[in-house]
Protein backbone atom coordinates (compact mmCIF):
# COMPACT_ATOMS: atom_id res chain seq x y z
CA MET A 1 25.44 -2.98 -17.38
CA ARG A 2 25.30 -2.56 -13.58
CA LEU A 3 22.05 -3.58 -11.99
CA VAL A 4 20.40 -1.08 -9.59
CA ARG A 5 18.83 -2.28 -6.50
CA ALA A 6 15.01 -2.00 -5.97
CA LEU A 7 14.44 0.12 -2.94
CA GLU A 8 10.68 0.13 -2.93
CA ARG A 9 7.94 -1.79 -4.55
CA SER A 10 4.36 -0.76 -5.28
CA ALA A 11 2.65 -3.64 -7.01
CA THR A 12 -0.47 -5.66 -7.75
CA ALA A 13 -3.34 -5.82 -5.41
CA ARG A 14 -4.01 -9.49 -5.85
CA VAL A 15 -2.04 -10.74 -2.87
CA SER A 16 -1.89 -14.24 -1.43
CA THR A 17 -1.42 -13.30 2.24
CA ALA A 18 -4.71 -11.56 2.73
CA SER A 19 -7.04 -13.47 4.92
CA ALA A 20 -8.78 -16.33 3.28
CA ASP A 21 -12.24 -15.16 4.32
CA ALA A 22 -11.65 -11.69 2.95
CA ARG A 23 -10.47 -13.19 -0.38
CA ARG A 24 -13.47 -15.27 -0.63
CA ARG A 25 -15.76 -12.31 0.07
CA ARG A 26 -13.82 -10.42 -2.68
CA SER A 27 -14.40 -13.23 -5.09
CA ARG A 28 -18.17 -13.16 -4.47
CA ALA A 29 -18.22 -9.29 -4.83
CA LEU A 30 -16.52 -9.49 -8.10
CA GLY A 31 -18.91 -12.14 -9.37
CA ALA A 32 -21.89 -10.12 -8.41
CA SER A 33 -20.72 -6.94 -10.15
CA VAL A 34 -18.85 -8.12 -13.20
CA ALA A 35 -19.65 -11.47 -14.75
CA ARG A 36 -16.30 -13.29 -15.53
CA SER A 37 -17.19 -15.98 -18.01
CA ALA A 38 -15.12 -19.09 -18.37
CA GLU A 39 -14.04 -17.75 -21.69
CA ASP A 40 -12.70 -14.61 -20.11
CA VAL A 41 -10.66 -16.58 -17.57
CA GLU A 42 -9.40 -18.91 -20.26
CA LYS A 43 -8.28 -15.94 -22.43
CA GLN A 44 -6.46 -14.38 -19.45
CA ASN A 45 -4.75 -17.55 -18.58
CA ALA A 46 -3.65 -18.09 -22.20
CA SER A 47 -2.25 -14.60 -22.26
CA VAL A 48 -0.20 -15.16 -19.05
CA ASP A 49 1.13 -18.42 -20.62
CA LEU A 50 2.23 -16.60 -23.78
CA LEU A 51 3.90 -13.90 -21.79
CA LEU A 52 5.93 -16.44 -19.75
CA ASP A 53 6.74 -18.30 -22.84
CA ALA A 54 8.01 -15.17 -24.65
CA LEU A 55 10.27 -14.55 -21.56
CA GLY A 56 11.67 -18.19 -21.82
CA ALA A 57 10.29 -18.74 -18.32
CA SER A 58 7.52 -21.25 -18.97
CA ALA A 59 9.70 -24.18 -18.00
CA SER A 60 10.36 -22.83 -14.51
CA VAL A 61 7.35 -20.52 -13.77
CA THR A 62 3.60 -21.01 -14.01
CA CYS A 63 0.49 -18.90 -13.31
CA SER A 64 -2.15 -20.45 -11.10
CA ALA A 65 -4.50 -19.71 -8.20
CA ASN A 66 -3.31 -20.32 -4.66
CA ALA A 67 -5.47 -21.93 -1.89
CA GLU A 68 -7.26 -18.74 -1.35
CA GLY A 69 -8.28 -18.33 -4.92
CA VAL A 70 -5.77 -15.66 -5.76
CA ARG A 71 -3.81 -15.67 -9.03
CA GLY A 72 -0.05 -15.63 -8.70
CA LEU A 73 3.17 -17.13 -10.05
CA PHE A 74 4.47 -20.53 -8.87
CA ALA A 75 7.66 -22.44 -9.18
CA LYS A 76 7.16 -25.12 -11.89
CA ARG A 77 10.38 -26.82 -10.76
CA SER A 78 12.78 -26.39 -7.82
CA LEU A 79 14.69 -23.08 -7.86
CA ALA A 80 18.16 -22.51 -6.33
CA ARG A 81 18.91 -19.44 -4.26
CA GLY A 82 20.17 -16.64 -6.64
CA GLU A 83 18.72 -18.24 -9.70
CA PRO A 84 17.05 -15.81 -12.14
CA VAL A 85 13.22 -16.40 -12.22
CA LEU A 86 12.25 -13.71 -14.76
CA GLU A 87 14.56 -11.74 -17.01
CA ILE A 88 12.22 -9.12 -18.56
CA PRO A 89 13.32 -6.69 -21.42
CA LEU A 90 11.95 -3.30 -20.35
CA ARG A 91 11.53 -1.98 -23.87
CA GLU A 92 9.13 -4.72 -24.91
CA PHE A 93 7.40 -5.59 -21.56
CA ALA A 94 7.00 -2.35 -19.65
CA LEU A 95 5.23 0.94 -19.43
CA MET A 96 7.66 3.52 -18.01
CA ASP A 97 7.54 7.10 -16.99
CA ASP A 98 9.85 9.94 -18.15
CA PRO A 99 11.60 11.38 -15.14
CA GLY A 100 12.42 14.52 -17.10
CA SER A 101 8.73 15.23 -17.81
CA GLN A 102 6.91 18.06 -16.04
CA THR A 103 3.92 15.63 -15.73
CA THR A 104 3.78 13.61 -12.54
CA TRP A 105 4.82 9.83 -12.92
CA SER A 106 1.35 8.59 -11.94
CA ARG A 107 -0.34 10.72 -14.53
CA GLN A 108 2.10 9.70 -17.20
CA LEU A 109 1.58 5.98 -16.46
CA ALA A 110 -2.25 6.29 -16.09
CA SER A 111 -2.34 7.85 -19.59
CA LYS A 112 -0.35 5.06 -21.04
CA VAL A 113 -2.59 2.43 -19.36
CA VAL A 114 -5.65 4.15 -20.90
CA HIS A 115 -4.13 4.04 -24.41
CA LEU A 116 -2.94 0.51 -23.89
CA ARG A 117 -6.52 -0.58 -23.11
CA ARG A 118 -7.92 1.42 -25.98
CA ARG A 119 -5.45 0.03 -28.56
CA ALA A 120 -5.99 -3.49 -27.34
CA LEU A 121 -9.82 -3.09 -27.92
CA GLU A 122 -9.82 -1.01 -31.02
CA SER A 123 -6.79 -1.77 -33.30
CA ASP A 124 -4.00 -4.09 -34.18
CA GLU A 125 -1.34 -1.38 -33.98
CA MET A 126 0.42 -2.72 -30.92
CA THR A 127 2.83 -5.51 -30.19
CA THR A 128 1.46 -9.01 -29.40
CA ILE A 129 3.22 -8.84 -25.95
CA MET A 130 1.53 -5.71 -24.83
CA ARG A 131 -1.84 -6.83 -26.25
CA HIS A 132 -1.58 -9.89 -23.89
CA TYR A 133 -0.50 -7.61 -21.03
CA ALA A 134 -3.68 -5.62 -21.50
CA MET A 135 -5.61 -8.90 -21.36
CA ILE A 136 -4.28 -9.81 -17.97
CA LEU A 137 -4.95 -6.41 -16.27
CA PRO A 138 -8.00 -6.37 -13.88
CA LYS A 139 -11.18 -5.82 -15.90
CA PHE A 140 -12.34 -2.37 -16.51
CA GLY A 141 -15.66 -1.94 -14.66
CA ALA A 142 -14.75 -4.44 -11.89
CA PRO A 143 -15.01 -3.06 -8.24
CA ALA A 144 -12.24 -0.52 -7.51
CA ILE A 145 -8.92 -1.78 -6.16
CA GLY A 146 -8.44 -0.26 -2.72
CA LEU A 147 -10.81 1.79 -0.58
CA ALA A 148 -9.19 5.06 -1.76
CA ASN A 149 -9.88 4.39 -5.42
CA ASP A 150 -13.68 4.49 -5.23
CA PRO A 151 -15.10 8.06 -4.84
CA SER A 152 -18.30 6.88 -3.20
CA HIS A 153 -16.27 4.91 -0.50
CA VAL A 154 -14.13 7.92 0.07
CA ARG A 155 -17.13 10.24 0.69
CA LEU A 156 -18.83 7.79 3.01
CA LEU A 157 -15.77 6.86 5.02
CA ALA A 158 -14.41 10.48 5.30
CA ALA A 159 -17.67 11.19 7.13
CA GLN A 160 -17.81 8.03 9.34
CA TRP A 161 -14.39 6.42 9.81
CA ASP A 162 -12.65 6.96 13.04
CA CYS A 163 -9.11 6.59 11.55
CA LYS A 164 -7.92 10.18 10.99
CA GLU A 165 -4.86 9.04 9.09
CA ALA A 166 -6.75 6.96 6.68
CA VAL A 167 -9.31 9.67 6.08
CA THR A 168 -6.49 12.25 5.44
CA ASP A 169 -4.82 9.88 3.02
CA MET A 170 -8.05 8.97 1.11
CA THR A 171 -9.22 12.56 0.69
CA THR A 172 -5.83 13.87 -0.27
CA PHE A 173 -5.57 11.10 -2.98
CA ALA A 174 -9.11 11.72 -4.17
CA LYS A 175 -8.22 15.38 -4.78
CA GLN A 176 -5.07 14.34 -6.68
CA VAL A 177 -7.17 12.00 -8.96
CA GLU A 178 -9.74 14.70 -9.62
CA ASP A 179 -7.09 17.32 -10.43
CA SER A 180 -5.18 14.85 -12.71
CA TYR A 181 -8.42 13.91 -14.53
CA ALA A 182 -9.30 17.61 -15.12
CA ARG A 183 -5.81 18.15 -16.64
CA GLU A 184 -5.92 15.00 -18.79
CA LEU A 185 -9.37 15.93 -19.99
CA GLU A 186 -7.96 19.10 -21.51
CA LEU A 187 -5.74 16.89 -23.76
CA ASP A 188 -8.28 14.08 -24.49
CA GLN A 189 -11.95 15.20 -24.66
CA THR A 190 -13.04 11.49 -25.11
CA LEU A 191 -11.61 10.42 -21.65
CA ARG A 192 -14.18 9.15 -19.21
CA GLU A 193 -13.82 9.71 -15.48
CA ASP A 194 -14.44 6.04 -14.71
CA GLU A 195 -11.81 5.11 -17.34
CA TRP A 196 -9.28 7.46 -15.75
CA ARG A 197 -9.95 6.23 -12.19
CA TRP A 198 -9.58 2.62 -13.37
CA ALA A 199 -6.15 3.50 -14.94
CA VAL A 200 -5.03 5.34 -11.81
CA SER A 201 -5.92 2.32 -9.62
CA MET A 202 -3.84 0.10 -11.91
CA VAL A 203 -0.88 2.50 -11.52
CA HIS A 204 -1.03 2.73 -7.79
CA SER A 205 -1.41 -0.98 -7.26
CA ARG A 206 0.91 -2.33 -9.79
CA THR A 207 3.84 0.10 -10.31
CA PHE A 208 7.43 -0.72 -9.47
CA ARG A 209 9.74 2.01 -8.24
CA ILE A 210 13.33 1.69 -9.53
CA GLU A 211 16.01 3.74 -7.85
CA ASP A 212 19.85 3.87 -8.40
CA GLU A 213 21.69 3.05 -5.20
CA ARG A 214 24.36 5.56 -6.28
CA GLY A 215 21.95 8.25 -7.20
CA LYS A 216 23.41 8.71 -10.60
CA ARG A 217 20.20 7.98 -12.44
CA PRO A 218 16.76 9.47 -11.78
CA THR A 219 14.14 7.37 -10.07
CA ARG A 220 11.74 5.73 -12.60
CA ARG A 221 8.48 3.99 -12.23
CA ALA A 222 7.20 1.19 -14.43
CA LEU A 223 4.32 -1.35 -14.89
CA ILE A 224 6.04 -4.55 -16.01
CA ALA A 225 4.19 -7.33 -17.75
CA ALA A 226 4.45 -10.69 -15.91
CA ALA A 227 6.37 -9.21 -12.94
CA ASP A 228 3.21 -7.52 -11.50
CA LEU A 229 1.68 -11.05 -11.07
CA LEU A 230 4.04 -11.58 -8.13
CA ASN A 231 2.16 -11.53 -4.90
CA HIS A 232 3.21 -10.09 -1.64
CA SER A 233 3.99 -11.19 1.90
CA SER A 234 4.88 -8.91 4.92
CA VAL A 235 6.58 -11.75 6.58
CA LYS A 236 10.38 -11.92 5.85
CA GLU A 237 10.54 -15.77 6.09
CA GLU A 238 7.76 -16.15 3.42
CA VAL A 239 9.31 -13.87 0.88
CA ASN A 240 11.39 -15.93 -1.62
CA CYS A 241 12.20 -13.50 -4.40
CA ASP A 242 13.58 -10.05 -4.92
CA TRP A 243 14.33 -7.98 -8.04
CA SER A 244 16.82 -5.56 -9.63
CA ALA A 245 16.81 -3.53 -12.82
CA ASN A 246 19.10 -1.64 -15.22
CA ASP A 247 18.23 0.41 -18.33
CA GLU A 248 17.42 -2.71 -20.28
CA TYR A 249 16.22 -5.50 -18.02
CA PHE A 250 14.11 -6.14 -14.95
CA VAL A 251 15.44 -9.33 -13.20
CA VAL A 252 13.51 -11.33 -10.57
CA SER A 253 15.71 -13.79 -8.65
CA ALA A 254 15.10 -16.41 -5.91
CA THR A 255 16.46 -15.20 -2.54
CA ARG A 256 16.49 -18.71 -1.16
CA ASP A 257 15.86 -22.24 -2.50
CA VAL A 258 12.26 -22.62 -3.63
CA ARG A 259 10.37 -25.86 -3.82
CA GLU A 260 8.49 -26.98 -6.83
CA GLY A 261 4.90 -25.78 -6.57
CA GLU A 262 5.72 -22.98 -4.06
CA GLU A 263 4.26 -19.58 -4.74
CA LEU A 264 6.76 -16.91 -5.61
CA LEU A 265 6.41 -13.96 -3.23
CA ILE A 266 8.04 -10.57 -2.89
CA SER A 267 7.60 -7.75 -0.48
CA TYR A 268 5.78 -4.55 -1.58
CA GLY A 269 7.55 -2.66 1.23
CA GLU A 270 7.35 -2.27 4.98
CA GLN A 271 3.88 -0.72 5.06
CA CYS A 272 1.16 -0.74 7.71
CA ASP A 273 -2.37 -2.10 7.13
CA ARG A 274 -3.72 1.41 6.25
CA HIS A 275 -1.63 1.57 3.18
CA PHE A 276 -2.60 -1.78 1.90
CA ALA A 277 -6.29 -1.29 2.56
CA LEU A 278 -6.54 2.05 0.85
CA PHE A 279 -4.43 1.32 -2.23
CA TYR A 280 -4.34 -2.43 -2.70
CA GLY A 281 -7.63 -3.59 -1.36
CA PHE A 282 -6.44 -6.09 1.32
CA ILE A 283 -4.63 -6.24 4.57
CA PRO A 284 -1.89 -8.85 5.04
CA ARG A 285 -2.62 -12.01 6.92
CA ARG A 286 0.39 -11.08 9.20
CA ASN A 287 2.02 -7.70 9.22
CA PRO A 288 4.90 -7.08 11.60
CA PHE A 289 5.04 -3.41 10.32
CA ASN A 290 1.44 -2.69 11.50
CA ARG A 291 0.99 0.21 14.00
CA VAL A 292 -1.40 2.52 15.65
CA LYS A 293 -0.68 6.30 16.15
CA LEU A 294 -1.12 7.27 19.71
CA PHE A 295 -0.51 11.07 19.24
CA PHE A 296 0.02 13.31 16.14
CA ASN A 297 2.85 15.21 17.76
CA GLY A 298 4.80 15.71 20.87
CA ARG A 299 2.92 18.66 22.20
CA GLU A 300 -0.31 16.81 21.91
CA ALA A 301 1.10 13.95 23.78
CA LEU A 302 2.39 16.15 26.63
CA ASP A 303 -0.93 18.26 26.78
CA TRP A 304 -2.57 14.84 27.25
CA TYR A 305 -0.08 13.77 29.93
CA GLN A 306 -0.59 17.02 31.85
CA ALA A 307 -4.33 16.40 31.93
CA LEU A 308 -3.70 12.81 32.99
CA CYS A 309 -1.71 14.12 36.01
CA GLY A 310 -4.71 16.37 36.92
CA ALA A 311 -2.78 19.54 36.32
CA PRO A 312 -4.76 22.51 34.76
CA PRO A 313 -3.61 23.89 31.53
CA ASP A 314 -2.06 26.98 33.12
CA ALA A 315 -0.30 25.17 35.95
CA PRO A 316 3.06 26.85 36.87
CA GLY A 317 6.18 25.33 35.30
CA TRP A 318 4.46 22.90 33.01
CA HIS A 319 4.73 24.90 29.78
CA GLN A 320 8.53 25.32 30.25
CA GLU A 321 9.04 21.70 31.12
CA LYS A 322 7.01 20.43 28.09
CA GLU A 323 8.89 22.81 25.76
CA ARG A 324 12.21 21.38 27.16
CA VAL A 325 11.15 17.77 26.71
CA VAL A 326 9.78 18.43 23.20
CA LYS A 327 13.09 20.00 22.07
CA LEU A 328 15.08 17.08 23.56
CA VAL A 329 13.08 14.48 21.84
CA CYS A 330 12.96 16.46 18.60
CA ASP A 331 16.66 16.79 18.51
CA LYS A 332 16.98 12.99 18.80
CA TYR A 333 13.98 11.67 16.87
CA GLY A 334 12.25 14.63 15.15
CA THR A 335 11.69 15.02 11.44
CA TYR A 336 11.17 18.17 9.34
CA LYS A 337 7.67 18.97 8.21
CA LEU A 338 6.23 21.85 6.34
CA ASP A 339 4.10 24.27 8.40
CA LYS A 340 1.21 25.16 6.04
CA ALA A 341 0.45 28.32 8.11
CA THR A 342 3.92 29.85 7.82
CA GLY A 343 5.39 28.02 4.78
CA LEU A 344 8.41 27.12 6.93
CA ARG A 345 9.83 23.66 7.68
CA ARG A 346 10.09 22.90 11.43
CA ARG A 347 11.13 19.81 13.30
CA VAL A 348 8.26 17.79 14.89
CA ILE A 349 7.90 14.37 16.68
CA GLN A 350 5.58 12.24 14.47
CA ASP A 351 6.57 8.68 15.18
CA LEU A 352 4.43 8.22 18.33
CA TYR A 353 3.21 4.78 17.58
CA LEU A 354 2.26 1.49 19.27
CA GLY A 355 3.50 -1.28 17.05
CA GLU A 356 2.51 -4.89 16.33
CA GLY A 357 2.74 -6.99 19.50
CA GLY A 358 2.29 -3.89 21.66
CA LYS A 359 5.78 -2.52 21.06
CA VAL A 360 6.20 1.08 22.12
CA ASN A 361 8.61 3.15 20.04
CA GLU A 362 11.60 4.81 21.63
CA SER A 363 10.46 8.49 21.04
CA MET A 364 7.20 7.76 22.80
CA VAL A 365 8.92 6.23 25.91
CA LEU A 366 11.51 9.03 26.03
CA LEU A 367 8.79 11.74 25.78
CA PHE A 368 7.00 10.54 28.90
CA ASN A 369 10.20 9.34 30.69
CA GLU A 370 11.61 12.83 30.61
CA MET A 371 8.35 14.17 32.10
CA CYS A 372 8.02 11.65 34.95
CA GLY A 373 11.58 10.46 35.44
CA ASP A 374 10.66 6.86 35.57
CA GLU A 375 10.30 4.38 32.63
CA GLU A 376 7.80 2.16 34.27
CA MET A 377 5.60 5.15 34.77
CA ALA A 378 6.14 6.23 31.23
CA ILE A 379 5.04 2.76 29.99
CA ALA A 380 1.99 2.99 32.36
CA ALA A 381 1.05 6.31 30.63
CA VAL A 382 1.35 4.70 27.27
CA ARG A 383 -0.83 1.84 28.44
CA GLU A 384 -3.45 4.33 29.71
CA ARG A 385 -3.54 6.15 26.35
CA ALA A 386 -3.89 2.73 24.43
CA LYS A 387 -6.69 1.85 26.75
CA GLU A 388 -8.45 5.23 26.12
CA LEU A 389 -8.12 4.79 22.42
CA ARG A 390 -9.22 1.20 22.42
CA GLU A 391 -12.40 2.04 24.44
CA LYS A 392 -13.29 4.89 22.01
CA MET A 393 -12.90 2.53 19.10
CA ILE A 394 -15.05 -0.06 20.71
CA ASP A 395 -17.68 2.42 21.72
CA ALA A 396 -17.79 3.63 18.03
CA THR A 397 -17.99 0.24 16.41
CA GLU A 398 -21.82 -0.10 16.37
CA ARG A 399 -22.10 3.38 14.89
CA ILE A 400 -19.50 2.81 12.22
CA ASP A 401 -20.75 -0.61 11.29
CA SER A 402 -24.27 0.73 10.70
CA SER A 403 -22.91 3.57 8.57
CA LEU A 404 -21.09 1.11 6.16
CA ASP A 405 -24.27 -0.06 4.40
CA GLY A 406 -23.23 2.03 1.36
CA LEU A 407 -20.12 -0.12 0.82
CA ASP A 408 -19.99 -3.46 -1.00
CA ASP A 409 -19.56 -6.56 1.23
CA TYR A 410 -15.87 -6.95 0.61
CA SER A 411 -15.10 -3.18 1.48
CA ARG A 412 -17.29 -3.36 4.52
CA ALA A 413 -15.55 -6.47 5.77
CA LEU A 414 -12.18 -4.76 4.98
CA VAL A 415 -12.84 -1.78 7.20
CA ARG A 416 -14.16 -3.93 9.93
CA ASP A 417 -11.01 -6.17 9.83
CA TYR A 418 -8.79 -3.08 9.76
CA ARG A 419 -10.44 -1.66 12.78
CA GLN A 420 -10.23 -4.99 14.69
CA ARG A 421 -6.49 -5.24 14.01
CA LYS A 422 -6.13 -1.75 15.50
CA ILE A 423 -8.11 -2.65 18.56
CA HIS A 424 -5.98 -5.84 19.06
CA ILE A 425 -2.80 -3.77 18.95
CA LEU A 426 -4.23 -1.29 21.51
CA SER A 427 -4.99 -4.25 23.78
CA HIS A 428 -1.26 -5.09 24.22
CA VAL A 429 1.47 -2.76 25.50
CA THR A 430 4.86 -4.28 26.27
């Protein structure tokens, strides 16, 4: 049966490329809130070993902790490029959504995770494989995975954080979780809110998205035992595995030769730090896809540029010229977005970012270049905007730091590290 290519990966939050200091802080936070006995760890390790053995992978793959104390999968022997690492039967090893259902995929999978946990605790009416999978999931009652998965964190950060995009993403997600819990509670009166939030955090930090390249099959989402122990790197050279799937099997293969003892790493997708911090609870050690938004749309950018030039808002000729430039850049780089006020879709310029290493995206340069007619002046305008935003962030640092006392140590450090990465990007414009 033809394998379909994995286009996007949303997976486990336990990732080896987060900073060592942050991971150690996370370990201390976990230890302070939920005691993990030696017996618990031993049971989890035994469950992983049994899963790998059931897959026939125990001779080539082992589960261990890396140098930062993060659990992952490692090559037990040398692996050749293209060699299958894990061949996982989906029927026995996965929780999958039904694309034809009227219920959202995240709600379907969260409900399955809830019932998986309950059956593992309360009865013997489940397969040995899925019982062991339930054993290796992050413990219910442990600190939430990702800033967006803890409602108290969302409330505090929504009022204090100076990252508008992050706040918007968090509050939107929080509303979705509340709504899904209300709907699910109508079906299961015994469902606790903390139980539902835990399940949702599992889904949004461990789910694989499987798409058919030819578009003949609907997109499916799945939590897959053993596969979701694979950790992430944002650096292409560090990634050594990729995956594909059909209706029956999920196959992880080596994308290059892998040394014995080397950790097996995949990519969760080309995401910026904000996505990882909110939904996975870490920021990658290195992330070439990181970026900072300079403006939310083209008109905001050109209004700012007009003020930078010292021209009053009603200065003759400016409005017509700005509209001309916005249309020109929209035609080349614009994307369609729903206008909530009118209900219509209109084309807007959204990708006005400064990237890792101070790289300015092409739509940003074209926008200012069309206004001033000189690329060097356009870059100078971007540099001025970056300086302005950087100074605002630095000025707000003390206020924001003092407002984070309601967070646990790890989450507080995560917010600080995230902001420092943004400040660093804003310090370099090329």
